[in-house]
């Protein structure tokens, strides 16, 4: 598959959505129980349908945030999302059997730790304060859903620790996790800040490529 086509397709899919709606809808859709043993991309069709529906609640939230608010909210949401990927990568470094998975885990840790530090620095510069530690729980219009989302992510980490085939479970969880980051990043491609636009493009390009690589591994190893 052409990587650029994948990137453009994902970006076009989510244009006009809002970060909070994207996160909460896809957090539910992205859980590994939606996978079958032979189809690690089963959730894609459902996600595409909801994202492209003009009557979907996500689209009604467009325009409720200005660019500055979108940037702020994106950082508050993406930092804990990145941390979730880093936690999964830490597990992979000790539990994965295949060197390909361990190499990917190292790349995830390097890239996403760097991006977290960048976002924290920008947040302090632009908003005059540290990123709220509980920002992932403070989600306007979705009272209580932030806590639910993090509980679900924690449950996934527990299931990953105890997976019979760690490598398979890692791919099953990391693909939708990356996919969510790609969709969230599409929301700030038109940010007024060049730093945010560059970050969005980097996340979309890097994580789309990693999604495709994991899909290829899954097909080779498990089908």
C-alpha atoms as a PDB file:
ATOM      1  CA  UNK A   1       0.000   0.000   0.000  1.00  0.00           C
ATOM      2  CA  UNK A   2       1.227   3.473  -0.836  1.00  0.00           C
ATOM      3  CA  UNK A   3       2.045   5.212   2.448  1.00  0.00           C
ATOM      4  CA  UNK A   4       1.047   8.649   1.171  1.00  0.00           C
ATOM      5  CA  UNK A   5      -2.311   7.306   0.018  1.00  0.00           C
ATOM      6  CA  UNK A   6      -2.886   5.844   3.468  1.00  0.00           C
ATOM      7  CA  UNK A   7      -1.990   9.142   5.122  1.00  0.00           C
ATOM      8  CA  UNK A   8      -4.171  11.249   2.863  1.00  0.00           C
ATOM      9  CA  UNK A   9      -7.040   8.836   3.226  1.00  0.00           C
ATOM     10  CA  UNK A  10      -6.915   8.960   7.002  1.00  0.00           C
ATOM     11  CA  UNK A  11      -6.608  12.732   7.058  1.00  0.00           C
ATOM     12  CA  UNK A  12      -9.499  13.201   4.679  1.00  0.00           C
ATOM     13  CA  UNK A  13     -11.586  10.771   6.678  1.00  0.00           C
ATOM     14  CA  UNK A  14     -11.548  12.885   9.805  1.00  0.00           C
ATOM     15  CA  UNK A  15     -11.533  16.430   8.453  1.00  0.00           C
ATOM     16  CA  UNK A  16     -14.166  18.424  10.262  1.00  0.00           C
ATOM     17  CA  UNK A  17     -14.271  16.335  13.455  1.00  0.00           C
ATOM     18  CA  UNK A  18     -13.341  17.539  16.953  1.00  0.00           C
ATOM     19  CA  UNK A  19     -10.590  16.085  19.148  1.00  0.00           C
ATOM     20  CA  UNK A  20     -12.773  15.080  22.057  1.00  0.00           C
ATOM     21  CA  UNK A  21     -15.328  13.341  19.882  1.00  0.00           C
ATOM     22  CA  UNK A  22     -12.641  11.496  17.964  1.00  0.00           C
ATOM     23  CA  UNK A  23     -10.969  10.269  21.117  1.00  0.00           C
ATOM     24  CA  UNK A  24     -14.059   9.024  22.896  1.00  0.00           C
ATOM     25  CA  UNK A  25     -15.774   7.362  19.929  1.00  0.00           C
ATOM     26  CA  UNK A  26     -12.638   5.605  18.791  1.00  0.00           C
ATOM     27  CA  UNK A  27     -11.486   4.682  22.268  1.00  0.00           C
ATOM     28  CA  UNK A  28     -14.494   2.370  22.416  1.00  0.00           C
ATOM     29  CA  UNK A  29     -14.105   1.148  18.841  1.00  0.00           C
ATOM     30  CA  UNK A  30     -10.386   0.558  19.219  1.00  0.00           C
ATOM     31  CA  UNK A  31     -10.521  -2.023  21.974  1.00  0.00           C
ATOM     32  CA  UNK A  32      -8.815  -5.318  21.090  1.00  0.00           C
ATOM     33  CA  UNK A  33     -11.981  -7.366  21.599  1.00  0.00           C
ATOM     34  CA  UNK A  34     -13.118  -5.938  18.246  1.00  0.00           C
ATOM     35  CA  UNK A  35     -10.363  -7.867  16.501  1.00  0.00           C
ATOM     36  CA  UNK A  36     -10.681 -11.370  15.165  1.00  0.00           C
ATOM     37  CA  UNK A  37      -7.737 -13.687  15.089  1.00  0.00           C
ATOM     38  CA  UNK A  38      -7.456 -13.342  11.320  1.00  0.00           C
ATOM     39  CA  UNK A  39      -8.385  -9.691  10.886  1.00  0.00           C
ATOM     40  CA  UNK A  40      -6.498  -7.117  12.962  1.00  0.00           C
ATOM     41  CA  UNK A  41      -8.103  -4.252  11.010  1.00  0.00           C
ATOM     42  CA  UNK A  42     -11.729  -5.207  11.599  1.00  0.00           C
ATOM     43  CA  UNK A  43     -12.523  -1.914  13.338  1.00  0.00           C
ATOM     44  CA  UNK A  44     -11.534   0.208  10.359  1.00  0.00           C
ATOM     45  CA  UNK A  45     -14.822   0.045   8.469  1.00  0.00           C
ATOM     46  CA  UNK A  46     -16.902   0.937  11.521  1.00  0.00           C
ATOM     47  CA  UNK A  47     -14.604   3.827  12.363  1.00  0.00           C
ATOM     48  CA  UNK A  48     -14.706   5.170   8.822  1.00  0.00           C
ATOM     49  CA  UNK A  49     -18.496   5.056   8.790  1.00  0.00           C
ATOM     50  CA  UNK A  50     -18.844   7.070  11.987  1.00  0.00           C
ATOM     51  CA  UNK A  51     -16.166   9.591  11.036  1.00  0.00           C
ATOM     52  CA  UNK A  52     -17.669  10.319   7.594  1.00  0.00           C
ATOM     53  CA  UNK A  53     -21.296  10.649   8.756  1.00  0.00           C
ATOM     54  CA  UNK A  54     -22.224  14.365   8.572  1.00  0.00           C
ATOM     55  CA  UNK A  55     -24.864  13.835  11.279  1.00  0.00           C
ATOM     56  CA  UNK A  56     -22.387  12.232  13.675  1.00  0.00           C
ATOM     57  CA  UNK A  57     -22.050  14.131  17.023  1.00  0.00           C
ATOM     58  CA  UNK A  58     -18.364  14.738  16.376  1.00  0.00           C
ATOM     59  CA  UNK A  59     -19.180  17.095  13.524  1.00  0.00           C
ATOM     60  CA  UNK A  60     -21.562  19.191  15.615  1.00  0.00           C
ATOM     61  CA  UNK A  61     -18.610  20.145  17.833  1.00  0.00           C
ATOM     62  CA  UNK A  62     -16.714  21.787  14.975  1.00  0.00           C
ATOM     63  CA  UNK A  63     -16.403  25.505  15.504  1.00  0.00           C
ATOM     64  CA  UNK A  64     -16.880  25.271  19.270  1.00  0.00           C
ATOM     65  CA  UNK A  65     -13.132  25.694  19.770  1.00  0.00           C
ATOM     66  CA  UNK A  66     -10.838  28.276  18.220  1.00  0.00           C
ATOM     67  CA  UNK A  67      -7.354  27.271  17.069  1.00  0.00           C
ATOM     68  CA  UNK A  68      -5.756  28.173  20.396  1.00  0.00           C
ATOM     69  CA  UNK A  69      -8.281  26.092  22.315  1.00  0.00           C
ATOM     70  CA  UNK A  70      -7.828  23.194  19.902  1.00  0.00           C
ATOM     71  CA  UNK A  71      -4.058  23.296  20.383  1.00  0.00           C
ATOM     72  CA  UNK A  72      -4.419  23.377  24.158  1.00  0.00           C
ATOM     73  CA  UNK A  73      -6.944  20.561  24.242  1.00  0.00           C
ATOM     74  CA  UNK A  74      -4.887  18.481  21.814  1.00  0.00           C
ATOM     75  CA  UNK A  75      -1.810  18.677  24.042  1.00  0.00           C
ATOM     76  CA  UNK A  76      -3.845  17.792  27.131  1.00  0.00           C
ATOM     77  CA  UNK A  77      -5.249  14.720  25.372  1.00  0.00           C
ATOM     78  CA  UNK A  78      -2.219  13.588  23.373  1.00  0.00           C
ATOM     79  CA  UNK A  79       0.249  13.509  26.253  1.00  0.00           C
ATOM     80  CA  UNK A  80      -1.601  10.764  28.186  1.00  0.00           C
ATOM     81  CA  UNK A  81      -2.318   9.007  24.892  1.00  0.00           C
ATOM     82  CA  UNK A  82       1.399   8.984  24.069  1.00  0.00           C
ATOM     83  CA  UNK A  83       2.144   7.777  27.600  1.00  0.00           C
ATOM     84  CA  UNK A  84      -0.167   4.826  27.036  1.00  0.00           C
ATOM     85  CA  UNK A  85       1.840   3.824  23.963  1.00  0.00           C
ATOM     86  CA  UNK A  86       5.090   4.200  25.904  1.00  0.00           C
ATOM     87  CA  UNK A  87       3.756   1.959  28.679  1.00  0.00           C
ATOM     88  CA  UNK A  88       2.878  -0.689  26.097  1.00  0.00           C
ATOM     89  CA  UNK A  89       6.306  -0.316  24.496  1.00  0.00           C
ATOM     90  CA  UNK A  90       7.984  -0.808  27.885  1.00  0.00           C
ATOM     91  CA  UNK A  91       6.175  -4.125  28.203  1.00  0.00           C
ATOM     92  CA  UNK A  92       7.268  -5.124  24.718  1.00  0.00           C
ATOM     93  CA  UNK A  93      10.929  -4.603  25.555  1.00  0.00           C
ATOM     94  CA  UNK A  94      10.714  -7.305  28.221  1.00  0.00           C
ATOM     95  CA  UNK A  95       7.962  -9.616  26.940  1.00  0.00           C
ATOM     96  CA  UNK A  96       8.099  -9.568  23.125  1.00  0.00           C
ATOM     97  CA  UNK A  97       9.673 -12.586  21.420  1.00  0.00           C
ATOM     98  CA  UNK A  98      10.296 -11.080  18.004  1.00  0.00           C
ATOM     99  CA  UNK A  99      13.116  -8.549  17.511  1.00  0.00           C
ATOM    100  CA  UNK A 100      10.896  -6.601  15.107  1.00  0.00           C
ATOM    101  CA  UNK A 101       8.447  -5.843  17.916  1.00  0.00           C
ATOM    102  CA  UNK A 102      11.247  -4.799  20.266  1.00  0.00           C
ATOM    103  CA  UNK A 103      12.742  -2.507  17.624  1.00  0.00           C
ATOM    104  CA  UNK A 104       9.338  -0.908  17.057  1.00  0.00           C
ATOM    105  CA  UNK A 105       8.915  -0.469  20.812  1.00  0.00           C
ATOM    106  CA  UNK A 106      12.240   1.370  21.016  1.00  0.00           C
ATOM    107  CA  UNK A 107      11.180   3.690  18.196  1.00  0.00           C
ATOM    108  CA  UNK A 108       7.829   4.377  19.860  1.00  0.00           C
ATOM    109  CA  UNK A 109       9.523   5.240  23.153  1.00  0.00           C
ATOM    110  CA  UNK A 110      12.086   7.519  21.504  1.00  0.00           C
ATOM    111  CA  UNK A 111       9.631   9.387  19.290  1.00  0.00           C
ATOM    112  CA  UNK A 112       6.786   9.753  21.734  1.00  0.00           C
ATOM    113  CA  UNK A 113       8.918  10.684  24.756  1.00  0.00           C
ATOM    114  CA  UNK A 114      10.453  13.442  22.631  1.00  0.00           C
ATOM    115  CA  UNK A 115       7.021  14.634  21.506  1.00  0.00           C
ATOM    116  CA  UNK A 116       5.732  14.640  25.085  1.00  0.00           C
ATOM    117  CA  UNK A 117       8.609  16.878  26.174  1.00  0.00           C
ATOM    118  CA  UNK A 118       7.991  19.199  23.221  1.00  0.00           C
ATOM    119  CA  UNK A 119       4.288  19.473  24.030  1.00  0.00           C
ATOM    120  CA  UNK A 120       4.978  20.152  27.705  1.00  0.00           C
ATOM    121  CA  UNK A 121       7.427  22.916  26.781  1.00  0.00           C
ATOM    122  CA  UNK A 122       4.991  24.531  24.336  1.00  0.00           C
ATOM    123  CA  UNK A 123       2.150  24.313  26.825  1.00  0.00           C
ATOM    124  CA  UNK A 124       4.171  26.143  29.481  1.00  0.00           C
ATOM    125  CA  UNK A 125       5.259  28.806  26.973  1.00  0.00           C
ATOM    126  CA  UNK A 126       1.822  29.370  25.451  1.00  0.00           C
ATOM    127  CA  UNK A 127      -0.491  28.946  28.440  1.00  0.00           C
ATOM    128  CA  UNK A 128       1.768  29.926  31.338  1.00  0.00           C
ATOM    129  CA  UNK A 129       1.297  26.735  33.336  1.00  0.00           C
ATOM    130  CA  UNK A 130       2.161  23.053  33.409  1.00  0.00           C
ATOM    131  CA  UNK A 131      -0.047  20.535  31.625  1.00  0.00           C
ATOM    132  CA  UNK A 132      -2.740  19.471  34.132  1.00  0.00           C
ATOM    133  CA  UNK A 133      -1.891  16.039  35.507  1.00  0.00           C
ATOM    134  CA  UNK A 134      -5.539  15.006  35.304  1.00  0.00           C
ATOM    135  CA  UNK A 135      -6.211  16.631  31.929  1.00  0.00           C
ATOM    136  CA  UNK A 136      -7.354  13.340  30.417  1.00  0.00           C
ATOM    137  CA  UNK A 137     -10.255  13.337  32.870  1.00  0.00           C
ATOM    138  CA  UNK A 138     -11.356  16.911  32.147  1.00  0.00           C
ATOM    139  CA  UNK A 139     -13.329  16.455  28.944  1.00  0.00           C
ATOM    140  CA  UNK A 140     -16.002  19.063  28.160  1.00  0.00           C
ATOM    141  CA  UNK A 141     -19.363  17.697  27.033  1.00  0.00           C
ATOM    142  CA  UNK A 142     -18.371  14.184  28.040  1.00  0.00           C
ATOM    143  CA  UNK A 143     -18.673  14.206  31.832  1.00  0.00           C
ATOM    144  CA  UNK A 144     -17.202  11.089  33.351  1.00  0.00           C
ATOM    145  CA  UNK A 145     -16.053   9.666  30.033  1.00  0.00           C
ATOM    146  CA  UNK A 146     -12.428  10.657  30.528  1.00  0.00           C
ATOM    147  CA  UNK A 147     -12.191   8.433  33.587  1.00  0.00           C
ATOM    148  CA  UNK A 148     -13.936   5.615  31.746  1.00  0.00           C
ATOM    149  CA  UNK A 149     -11.536   5.928  28.843  1.00  0.00           C
ATOM    150  CA  UNK A 150      -8.459   5.727  31.033  1.00  0.00           C
ATOM    151  CA  UNK A 151      -9.918   2.760  32.910  1.00  0.00           C
ATOM    152  CA  UNK A 152     -10.350   0.984  29.580  1.00  0.00           C
ATOM    153  CA  UNK A 153      -6.746   1.767  28.624  1.00  0.00           C
ATOM    154  CA  UNK A 154      -5.546   0.389  31.952  1.00  0.00           C
ATOM    155  CA  UNK A 155      -7.568  -2.767  31.384  1.00  0.00           C
ATOM    156  CA  UNK A 156      -5.882  -3.172  28.007  1.00  0.00           C
ATOM    157  CA  UNK A 157      -2.444  -2.882  29.619  1.00  0.00           C
ATOM    158  CA  UNK A 158      -3.387  -5.577  32.117  1.00  0.00           C
ATOM    159  CA  UNK A 159      -4.633  -7.863  29.354  1.00  0.00           C
ATOM    160  CA  UNK A 160      -1.428  -7.250  27.410  1.00  0.00           C
ATOM    161  CA  UNK A 161       0.700  -8.246  30.394  1.00  0.00           C
ATOM    162  CA  UNK A 162      -1.125 -11.571  30.629  1.00  0.00           C
ATOM    163  CA  UNK A 163      -1.583 -12.303  26.920  1.00  0.00           C
ATOM    164  CA  UNK A 164      -0.845 -15.864  25.823  1.00  0.00           C
ATOM    165  CA  UNK A 165       0.855 -14.494  22.696  1.00  0.00           C
ATOM    166  CA  UNK A 166       2.278 -11.110  23.617  1.00  0.00           C
ATOM    167  CA  UNK A 167       3.420 -10.159  20.125  1.00  0.00           C
ATOM    168  CA  UNK A 168      -0.021 -10.786  18.659  1.00  0.00           C
ATOM    169  CA  UNK A 169      -1.785  -8.904  21.444  1.00  0.00           C
ATOM    170  CA  UNK A 170       0.662  -5.999  21.142  1.00  0.00           C
ATOM    171  CA  UNK A 171      -0.153  -5.549  17.459  1.00  0.00           C
ATOM    172  CA  UNK A 172      -3.876  -5.892  18.129  1.00  0.00           C
ATOM    173  CA  UNK A 173      -3.732  -3.090  20.675  1.00  0.00           C
ATOM    174  CA  UNK A 174      -1.136  -0.804  19.099  1.00  0.00           C
ATOM    175  CA  UNK A 175      -2.784  -0.544  15.670  1.00  0.00           C
ATOM    176  CA  UNK A 176      -6.009   1.074  16.959  1.00  0.00           C
ATOM    177  CA  UNK A 177      -3.994   3.125  19.462  1.00  0.00           C
ATOM    178  CA  UNK A 178      -1.893   4.549  16.622  1.00  0.00           C
ATOM    179  CA  UNK A 179      -4.989   4.997  14.478  1.00  0.00           C
ATOM    180  CA  UNK A 180      -6.566   7.132  17.191  1.00  0.00           C
ATOM    181  CA  UNK A 181      -3.455   9.330  17.341  1.00  0.00           C
ATOM    182  CA  UNK A 182      -3.586   9.815  13.571  1.00  0.00           C
ATOM    183  CA  UNK A 183      -7.216  10.908  13.726  1.00  0.00           C
ATOM    184  CA  UNK A 184      -6.581  13.271  16.634  1.00  0.00           C
ATOM    185  CA  UNK A 185      -3.598  14.807  14.821  1.00  0.00           C
ATOM    186  CA  UNK A 186      -5.672  15.523  11.721  1.00  0.00           C
ATOM    187  CA  UNK A 187      -7.640  18.009  13.817  1.00  0.00           C
ATOM    188  CA  UNK A 188      -4.681  20.377  14.172  1.00  0.00           C
ATOM    189  CA  UNK A 189      -3.268  20.256  10.645  1.00  0.00           C
ATOM    190  CA  UNK A 190      -4.617  23.778  10.131  1.00  0.00           C
ATOM    191  CA  UNK A 191      -3.382  25.125  13.476  1.00  0.00           C
ATOM    192  CA  UNK A 192      -2.140  28.709  13.518  1.00  0.00           C
ATOM    193  CA  UNK A 193       1.070  27.485  15.155  1.00  0.00           C
ATOM    194  CA  UNK A 194       3.698  25.919  12.845  1.00  0.00           C
ATOM    195  CA  UNK A 195       4.959  23.766  15.716  1.00  0.00           C
ATOM    196  CA  UNK A 196       1.568  22.101  16.021  1.00  0.00           C
ATOM    197  CA  UNK A 197       1.198  21.649  12.267  1.00  0.00           C
ATOM    198  CA  UNK A 198       4.629  20.015  12.104  1.00  0.00           C
ATOM    199  CA  UNK A 199       3.826  17.784  15.075  1.00  0.00           C
ATOM    200  CA  UNK A 200       0.561  16.693  13.482  1.00  0.00           C
ATOM    201  CA  UNK A 201       2.254  15.834  10.187  1.00  0.00           C
ATOM    202  CA  UNK A 202       5.025  13.935  11.960  1.00  0.00           C
ATOM    203  CA  UNK A 203       2.561  11.876  14.009  1.00  0.00           C
ATOM    204  CA  UNK A 204       0.390  11.113  10.983  1.00  0.00           C
ATOM    205  CA  UNK A 205       3.305  10.075   8.779  1.00  0.00           C
ATOM    206  CA  UNK A 206       5.249   8.086  11.381  1.00  0.00           C
ATOM    207  CA  UNK A 207       2.319   6.284  12.956  1.00  0.00           C
ATOM    208  CA  UNK A 208       0.596   5.556   9.633  1.00  0.00           C
ATOM    209  CA  UNK A 209       3.805   3.876   8.474  1.00  0.00           C
ATOM    210  CA  UNK A 210       3.986   1.886  11.722  1.00  0.00           C
ATOM    211  CA  UNK A 211       0.346   0.834  11.334  1.00  0.00           C
ATOM    212  CA  UNK A 212       1.083  -0.538   7.866  1.00  0.00           C
ATOM    213  CA  UNK A 213       4.204  -2.324   9.119  1.00  0.00           C
ATOM    214  CA  UNK A 214       2.276  -3.974  11.963  1.00  0.00           C
ATOM    215  CA  UNK A 215      -0.487  -5.054   9.586  1.00  0.00           C
ATOM    216  CA  UNK A 216       2.091  -6.696   7.345  1.00  0.00           C
ATOM    217  CA  UNK A 217       3.652  -8.488  10.307  1.00  0.00           C
ATOM    218  CA  UNK A 218       0.246  -9.687  11.463  1.00  0.00           C
ATOM    219  CA  UNK A 219      -0.561 -11.101   8.041  1.00  0.00           C
ATOM    220  CA  UNK A 220       2.816 -12.831   7.845  1.00  0.00           C
ATOM    221  CA  UNK A 221       2.867 -14.232  11.369  1.00  0.00           C
ATOM    222  CA  UNK A 222      -0.780 -15.028  12.097  1.00  0.00           C
ATOM    223  CA  UNK A 223      -2.564 -15.673   8.795  1.00  0.00           C
END
